[in-house]
Structure formats: C-alpha cells, structure tokens
Amino acid sequence: MTQAVNKWGDPILRLQQPDGSWGHFHTLSQPTKARPMTTEQALRRLSVLGLTYKDEPIQRAVGYMKDVLDGRVVPPDGREQALNWDFFEKMMMATWIKRFLPHDEQALEIAAFWASLLQKSIRGGAVDAGAYEAEYRRHIPKLHKQEHIIGISQFYMVSLLWDMLDEETEKAFVAYAIDNPSGIYYVYSERIAQVPTAFQSLQTSRYLGALECLSEYGRASGRLQFAADWLALQKDGDGWDLGAAARDGVYFPISDSWRKPENRRKDCTERIEKLLEAIGGEPSCHQKREPSG
C-alpha cells in the first residue's frame, strides 16, 4: 500500500467490520465517531487512494457485497420506498463489485439487465426517457404508490454499464448524461456540458468526478473534448491547482498534507493528467475486463 493509503486510508481500514462492511451501505442518517461513514463512502475513498482487489480489505468488502446479492446478509440500511429497493440494492452491489472485479459473472448479469433496458429505450439515436420508463415498468414492479423509477443519468447506471453497450446505445447514453440538466446524480448535480464558473473550487472537483465516470466510455472522447479544452486553458505553467476548497476527503487529499501548496498542486495535476489521458485512450479507473474463453 502507498504512503497516501497509510496516511489517509488507515483510519478507514481500522473501522472495517469483521463482515467486510463499514455498517450501513448507502445511507447513514446519524454518523458517529465509531461509525462515521457508509461502506460505499469507504470504498470510494479507498479506491481513490489506490486500493484494488489485490488488497485484502477490498477482497473482504467484495465478499460482503456478494453475500448481500446472494441473500446471506442484509445491510442495516432502511429500505427506501421512493424506488424499488430490491432492484436498487442489487444495482449498487453490482456496481461496486464490477469496479473492483470487472469480470465478475454475478455483477455482469445485473449489468446486462440494465444495459438491455437502456438499449430498448433508444429512439432515433437518442435516449427516450418515456420509452425507458415504459420498458422499466415492464420489468420492475411498482411496490409503492409514490415510487419513482431508478434514473438513467446517475452514478450507478453510468459506472455499471461501461463496456456493456452497443455503439448506438453508448453514444446516446453519453450524450444524454452530458446534456442532462441534473448531471450525474450522486456525483455532480449540474449540466456537464456547462463547465464550472470557478476553476479553483469544490464544484470543479465534483465536475472532474463526473468526467471520470464518463471517460470510461471509449466513445465519450469526442463528446468530452470541450472539457479537455477547458482544462487545458486552466493549466498554470506545468500543472493545475484546484485550491484549498477542493479538499473534500473523497478525491483529495492524496499527499500526506496540503499545508504545502506544492503538494496540493501535485495531487491536482496528477488527477487531471490521468483524466485527460483517459479521455483520449484506455479506461483508467477500472481494470480492463479479461476476455472470456
């Protein structure tokens, strides 16, 4: 494990429970000193810090999520009635399993289900929200009167479906996410097609998070060129600096300390360079899926 993981990751790893979780998975209404984060928050931070499935804590966490999918474990989260919780819970587990194990058959089966729904929602080369809702209701029962559908442009859908879509659907999906007024839910809440007004800000860090999600899609490169051009204009000398406000405990910091501006600049520069490379090349946040056979 890297020095950054030892500095920022160790406090998180010490909180991991024997079952591989950090308690609640998705929501935690009353954080405490002993339980300050959800399993999902821990996994996101540890992933940013560089942990992979090769690391034992991640193996334990993946084992926990597979137990949830198999019905051997029930997370302590309350079952939300705003959507079909059974389908949403499976989607969450599959998303995080696939981020660490892209070839996992169980996660791929769930991903294929959502890919099929999306592919059947394309009309004239674009995502048709009405067609998606109709297709959704054909396969997912409505359990409560006020229940909403699980949205299209949100973290789980975007992160789960990379490498799962045909060319037409992938192009339409990426375009839909970029132009969606609410961005990618759970990651960034503004239209991605509009760059942030202030570069040195927490908003820009979250914006980069949305771009990183979309950069997993090979056909997103051309559609994200506007963002690459904007980032190039923000470069100051040989790097970038998002400022102290970008420190959120999720994406930043990576270095041991930001007391020295050069450490903050190093972290910001490495992140943006990695993103720019991903926009023009191979996926960078996931391991490439191994070929079958």
Protein backbone atom coordinates (compact mmCIF):
# COMPACT_ATOMS: atom_id res chain seq x y z
CA MET A 1 0.00 0.00 0.00
CA THR A 2 1.17 3.53 -0.78
CA GLN A 3 2.19 6.14 1.75
CA ALA A 4 -1.02 8.05 0.90
CA VAL A 5 -3.06 4.98 1.82
CA ASN A 6 -1.15 4.63 5.10
CA LYS A 7 -1.86 8.26 5.98
CA TRP A 8 -5.47 8.63 4.87
CA GLY A 9 -6.57 5.03 4.45
CA ASP A 10 -5.51 3.52 7.75
CA PRO A 11 -8.22 5.29 9.82
CA ILE A 12 -10.81 3.96 7.36
CA LEU A 13 -9.39 0.44 7.36
CA ARG A 14 -9.44 0.33 11.16
CA LEU A 15 -13.20 0.90 11.02
CA GLN A 16 -13.91 -2.05 8.72
CA GLN A 17 -16.10 -4.60 10.45
CA PRO A 18 -15.43 -8.35 10.57
CA ASP A 19 -18.03 -8.98 7.86
CA GLY A 20 -16.11 -6.72 5.45
CA SER A 21 -18.51 -3.77 5.62
CA TRP A 22 -18.46 -0.42 7.37
CA GLY A 23 -22.01 -0.85 8.64
CA HIS A 24 -24.67 0.94 6.59
CA PHE A 25 -24.02 0.65 2.87
CA HIS A 26 -25.71 3.59 1.14
CA THR A 27 -27.21 5.92 3.76
CA LEU A 28 -26.21 6.92 7.27
CA SER A 29 -28.55 9.46 8.83
CA GLN A 30 -26.70 9.76 12.14
CA PRO A 31 -22.92 9.34 11.79
CA THR A 32 -20.97 8.68 14.98
CA LYS A 33 -17.27 8.65 15.82
CA ALA A 34 -17.34 4.85 15.73
CA ARG A 35 -19.42 4.74 12.53
CA PRO A 36 -18.65 7.94 10.63
CA MET A 37 -19.17 6.63 7.10
CA THR A 38 -21.02 4.14 4.95
CA THR A 39 -19.46 1.16 3.21
CA GLU A 40 -19.91 2.97 -0.08
CA GLN A 41 -18.10 6.08 1.16
CA ALA A 42 -15.25 3.97 2.46
CA LEU A 43 -14.92 2.10 -0.83
CA ARG A 44 -14.93 5.32 -2.86
CA ARG A 45 -12.18 6.87 -0.76
CA LEU A 46 -10.06 3.73 -0.66
CA SER A 47 -10.39 3.37 -4.43
CA VAL A 48 -9.20 6.95 -4.91
CA LEU A 49 -6.27 6.18 -2.61
CA GLY A 50 -5.26 3.35 -4.88
CA LEU A 51 -6.57 0.17 -3.24
CA THR A 52 -7.62 -2.58 -5.64
CA TYR A 53 -8.93 -6.12 -5.37
CA LYS A 54 -5.35 -7.23 -4.72
CA ASP A 55 -5.70 -5.65 -1.27
CA GLU A 56 -7.24 -7.84 1.42
CA PRO A 57 -9.68 -5.19 2.77
CA ILE A 58 -11.20 -4.82 -0.70
CA GLN A 59 -11.47 -8.59 -1.07
CA ARG A 60 -13.39 -8.70 2.21
CA ALA A 61 -15.66 -5.86 1.12
CA VAL A 62 -16.39 -7.55 -2.21
CA GLY A 63 -17.14 -10.78 -0.35
CA TYR A 64 -19.63 -8.87 1.79
CA MET A 65 -21.37 -7.39 -1.26
CA LYS A 66 -21.60 -10.80 -2.91
CA ASP A 67 -23.17 -12.13 0.29
CA VAL A 68 -25.75 -9.35 0.02
CA LEU A 69 -26.53 -10.33 -3.57
CA ASP A 70 -26.89 -13.97 -2.51
CA GLY A 71 -29.25 -13.02 0.32
CA ARG A 72 -26.91 -14.25 3.06
CA VAL A 73 -26.51 -10.73 4.50
CA VAL A 74 -28.98 -7.87 4.85
CA PRO A 75 -27.39 -4.38 5.14
CA PRO A 76 -28.72 -2.35 8.07
CA ASP A 77 -29.89 0.45 5.78
CA GLY A 78 -33.59 1.16 5.88
CA ARG A 79 -35.48 0.05 2.79
CA GLU A 80 -36.36 3.27 0.98
CA GLN A 81 -39.83 3.38 -0.53
CA ALA A 82 -39.02 6.04 -3.11
CA LEU A 83 -37.89 3.29 -5.51
CA ASN A 84 -37.85 -0.48 -5.82
CA TRP A 85 -35.23 -1.19 -3.16
CA ASP A 86 -34.58 -4.80 -4.20
CA PHE A 87 -33.50 -3.75 -7.69
CA PHE A 88 -31.65 -0.67 -6.45
CA GLU A 89 -29.71 -2.62 -3.84
CA LYS A 90 -28.63 -5.18 -6.44
CA MET A 91 -27.60 -2.37 -8.75
CA MET A 92 -25.45 -0.76 -6.03
CA MET A 93 -23.73 -4.01 -5.11
CA ALA A 94 -23.09 -4.95 -8.73
CA THR A 95 -21.68 -1.50 -9.48
CA TRP A 96 -19.09 -1.63 -6.71
CA ILE A 97 -18.21 -5.28 -7.32
CA LYS A 98 -17.68 -4.55 -11.00
CA ARG A 99 -15.49 -1.55 -10.22
CA PHE A 100 -13.07 -3.88 -8.43
CA LEU A 101 -13.79 -7.09 -10.35
CA PRO A 102 -14.88 -6.15 -13.89
CA HIS A 103 -15.18 -9.80 -14.93
CA ASP A 104 -17.42 -10.93 -12.04
CA GLU A 105 -20.24 -13.01 -13.55
CA GLN A 106 -22.82 -12.02 -10.94
CA ALA A 107 -22.18 -8.30 -11.45
CA LEU A 108 -22.13 -8.69 -15.22
CA GLU A 109 -25.51 -10.43 -15.18
CA ILE A 110 -27.05 -7.47 -13.35
CA ALA A 111 -25.26 -5.02 -15.63
CA ALA A 112 -26.63 -6.86 -18.68
CA PHE A 113 -30.18 -6.45 -17.36
CA TRP A 114 -29.81 -2.65 -17.14
CA ALA A 115 -27.99 -2.50 -20.46
CA SER A 116 -30.92 -4.28 -22.09
CA LEU A 117 -33.40 -1.77 -20.63
CA LEU A 118 -31.34 1.11 -21.92
CA GLN A 119 -30.80 -0.39 -25.35
CA LYS A 120 -34.56 -0.84 -25.76
CA SER A 121 -35.04 2.85 -24.88
CA ILE A 122 -33.15 4.30 -27.86
CA ARG A 123 -35.26 6.15 -30.41
CA GLY A 124 -33.66 7.87 -33.40
CA GLY A 125 -30.17 7.57 -31.96
CA ALA A 126 -31.10 9.20 -28.64
CA VAL A 127 -32.25 8.04 -25.22
CA ASP A 128 -36.03 8.39 -24.98
CA ALA A 129 -36.92 8.89 -21.31
CA GLY A 130 -40.52 7.90 -21.93
CA ALA A 131 -39.50 4.67 -23.65
CA TYR A 132 -37.11 3.93 -20.78
CA GLU A 133 -39.86 4.37 -18.20
CA ALA A 134 -42.21 2.12 -20.17
CA GLU A 135 -39.54 -0.56 -20.53
CA TYR A 136 -38.64 -0.16 -16.86
CA ARG A 137 -42.23 -0.72 -15.74
CA ARG A 138 -42.47 -3.85 -17.85
CA HIS A 139 -39.67 -5.47 -15.86
CA ILE A 140 -39.61 -3.85 -12.42
CA PRO A 141 -42.76 -4.00 -10.29
CA LYS A 142 -44.02 -0.87 -8.58
CA LEU A 143 -44.16 -1.68 -4.88
CA HIS A 144 -45.43 1.67 -3.56
CA LYS A 145 -47.82 4.26 -4.95
CA GLN A 146 -45.30 7.13 -4.86
CA GLU A 147 -42.36 5.05 -6.08
CA HIS A 148 -40.05 6.64 -8.66
CA ILE A 149 -38.11 4.84 -11.36
CA ILE A 150 -34.37 4.35 -10.95
CA GLY A 151 -32.92 7.16 -13.06
CA ILE A 152 -30.80 6.98 -16.17
CA SER A 153 -28.09 9.58 -15.54
CA GLN A 154 -26.82 8.59 -12.10
CA PHE A 155 -23.59 7.15 -10.73
CA TYR A 156 -24.67 3.52 -10.58
CA MET A 157 -26.01 3.37 -14.12
CA VAL A 158 -23.02 5.20 -15.59
CA SER A 159 -20.44 3.21 -13.63
CA LEU A 160 -22.15 -0.14 -14.12
CA LEU A 161 -22.67 -0.02 -17.89
CA TRP A 162 -19.19 0.84 -19.17
CA ASP A 163 -18.20 -1.84 -21.74
CA MET A 164 -21.77 -3.23 -21.77
CA LEU A 165 -23.45 -1.21 -24.55
CA ASP A 166 -23.55 -1.40 -28.32
CA GLU A 167 -22.20 1.58 -30.25
CA GLU A 168 -25.51 3.35 -30.83
CA THR A 169 -26.65 2.98 -27.23
CA GLU A 170 -23.31 4.07 -25.79
CA LYS A 171 -23.22 7.23 -27.92
CA ALA A 172 -26.80 8.08 -26.96
CA PHE A 173 -26.17 7.36 -23.28
CA VAL A 174 -23.06 9.54 -23.11
CA ALA A 175 -24.86 12.37 -24.91
CA TYR A 176 -27.81 12.07 -22.52
CA ALA A 177 -25.56 12.27 -19.46
CA ILE A 178 -23.62 15.26 -20.79
CA ASP A 179 -26.76 17.22 -21.60
CA ASN A 180 -28.80 16.17 -18.55
CA PRO A 181 -29.70 19.32 -16.54
CA SER A 182 -29.05 17.43 -13.30
CA GLY A 183 -25.71 15.97 -14.35
CA ILE A 184 -24.85 12.55 -12.94
CA TYR A 185 -26.80 12.09 -9.73
CA TYR A 186 -24.71 11.26 -6.63
CA VAL A 187 -21.61 12.73 -8.33
CA TYR A 188 -22.35 16.13 -9.86
CA SER A 189 -25.67 17.96 -9.92
CA GLU A 190 -25.19 20.43 -12.77
CA ARG A 191 -25.22 20.10 -16.55
CA ILE A 192 -21.90 18.57 -17.60
CA ALA A 193 -21.99 20.40 -20.93
CA GLN A 194 -21.50 23.63 -18.94
CA VAL A 195 -18.08 23.89 -17.30
CA PRO A 196 -17.85 25.29 -13.75
CA THR A 197 -17.65 29.07 -13.40
CA ALA A 198 -14.76 28.93 -10.92
CA PHE A 199 -11.90 26.52 -11.55
CA GLN A 200 -10.48 26.63 -8.03
CA SER A 201 -13.48 25.17 -6.24
CA LEU A 202 -15.05 22.05 -4.78
CA GLN A 203 -17.53 22.18 -7.65
CA THR A 204 -14.71 21.61 -10.14
CA SER A 205 -13.51 18.57 -8.21
CA ARG A 206 -17.01 17.11 -8.39
CA TYR A 207 -17.18 18.04 -12.06
CA LEU A 208 -13.98 16.09 -12.63
CA GLY A 209 -15.64 13.15 -10.87
CA ALA A 210 -18.44 13.19 -13.45
CA LEU A 211 -15.94 13.41 -16.30
CA GLU A 212 -14.02 10.49 -14.83
CA CYS A 213 -17.18 8.38 -14.84
CA LEU A 214 -17.87 9.19 -18.49
CA SER A 215 -14.24 8.75 -19.52
CA GLU A 216 -14.71 5.01 -19.04
CA TYR A 217 -16.72 5.01 -22.27
CA GLY A 218 -14.50 4.77 -25.33
CA ARG A 219 -16.96 6.72 -27.46
CA ALA A 220 -17.03 9.61 -24.99
CA SER A 221 -13.69 11.03 -26.15
CA GLY A 222 -15.08 13.26 -28.88
CA ARG A 223 -18.01 14.41 -26.77
CA LEU A 224 -15.69 15.39 -23.89
CA GLN A 225 -13.24 17.37 -25.98
CA PHE A 226 -14.83 20.62 -24.80
CA ALA A 227 -13.90 19.70 -21.23
CA ALA A 228 -10.36 18.78 -22.22
CA ASP A 229 -10.00 22.14 -23.97
CA TRP A 230 -11.29 23.95 -20.87
CA LEU A 231 -8.88 22.10 -18.62
CA ALA A 232 -6.01 22.99 -20.94
CA LEU A 233 -6.87 26.67 -20.51
CA GLN A 234 -6.74 26.29 -16.71
CA LYS A 235 -3.19 24.93 -16.73
CA ASP A 236 -0.76 27.20 -14.92
CA GLY A 237 2.78 26.55 -16.02
CA ASP A 238 3.42 22.82 -15.72
CA GLY A 239 0.32 21.88 -13.74
CA TRP A 240 -3.03 22.64 -12.15
CA ASP A 241 -4.17 23.76 -8.70
CA LEU A 242 -7.81 23.47 -7.66
CA GLY A 243 -7.19 25.39 -4.45
CA ALA A 244 -7.72 24.51 -0.81
CA ALA A 245 -11.52 24.42 -1.24
CA ALA A 246 -11.21 21.21 -3.29
CA ARG A 247 -10.23 19.23 -0.21
CA ASP A 248 -13.26 17.01 0.42
CA GLY A 249 -11.89 13.83 1.99
CA VAL A 250 -13.03 11.85 -1.05
CA TYR A 251 -10.93 12.79 -4.06
CA PHE A 252 -8.47 14.94 -2.13
CA PRO A 253 -6.02 14.98 -0.49
CA ILE A 254 -3.76 12.20 -1.67
CA SER A 255 -0.49 13.64 -0.41
CA ASP A 256 0.19 13.44 3.31
CA SER A 257 -0.51 17.13 3.79
CA TRP A 258 -1.77 20.14 1.85
CA ARG A 259 -0.02 22.59 4.14
CA LYS A 260 2.48 22.95 1.33
CA PRO A 261 0.79 24.29 -1.83
CA GLU A 262 3.16 22.24 -3.97
CA ASN A 263 1.64 19.02 -2.56
CA ARG A 264 -1.88 20.19 -3.42
CA ARG A 265 -0.71 21.16 -6.89
CA LYS A 266 0.88 17.73 -7.34
CA ASP A 267 -2.34 15.94 -6.39
CA CYS A 268 -4.47 18.12 -8.67
CA THR A 269 -2.07 17.79 -11.59
CA GLU A 270 -1.87 14.00 -11.34
CA ARG A 271 -5.64 13.70 -11.27
CA ILE A 272 -6.22 15.95 -14.27
CA GLU A 273 -3.43 14.39 -16.30
CA LYS A 274 -4.93 10.96 -15.64
CA LEU A 275 -8.35 12.20 -16.73
CA LEU A 276 -7.02 13.77 -19.93
CA GLU A 277 -5.22 10.54 -20.76
CA ALA A 278 -8.43 8.57 -20.17
CA ILE A 279 -10.48 10.84 -22.40
CA GLY A 280 -8.15 10.10 -25.27
CA GLY A 281 -7.27 6.50 -24.53
CA GLU A 282 -7.97 3.40 -22.46
CA PRO A 283 -10.25 3.38 -19.38
CA SER A 284 -8.23 4.39 -16.33
CA CYS A 285 -10.42 3.80 -13.24
CA HIS A 286 -11.22 0.14 -13.79
CA GLN A 287 -9.15 -2.85 -14.63
CA LYS A 288 -9.83 -3.97 -18.20
CA ARG A 289 -12.17 -6.92 -18.32
CA GLU A 290 -10.42 -10.14 -19.11
CA PRO A 291 -11.54 -11.86 -22.33
CA SER A 292 -13.63 -14.97 -21.84
CA GLY A 293 -12.68 -18.37 -23.08
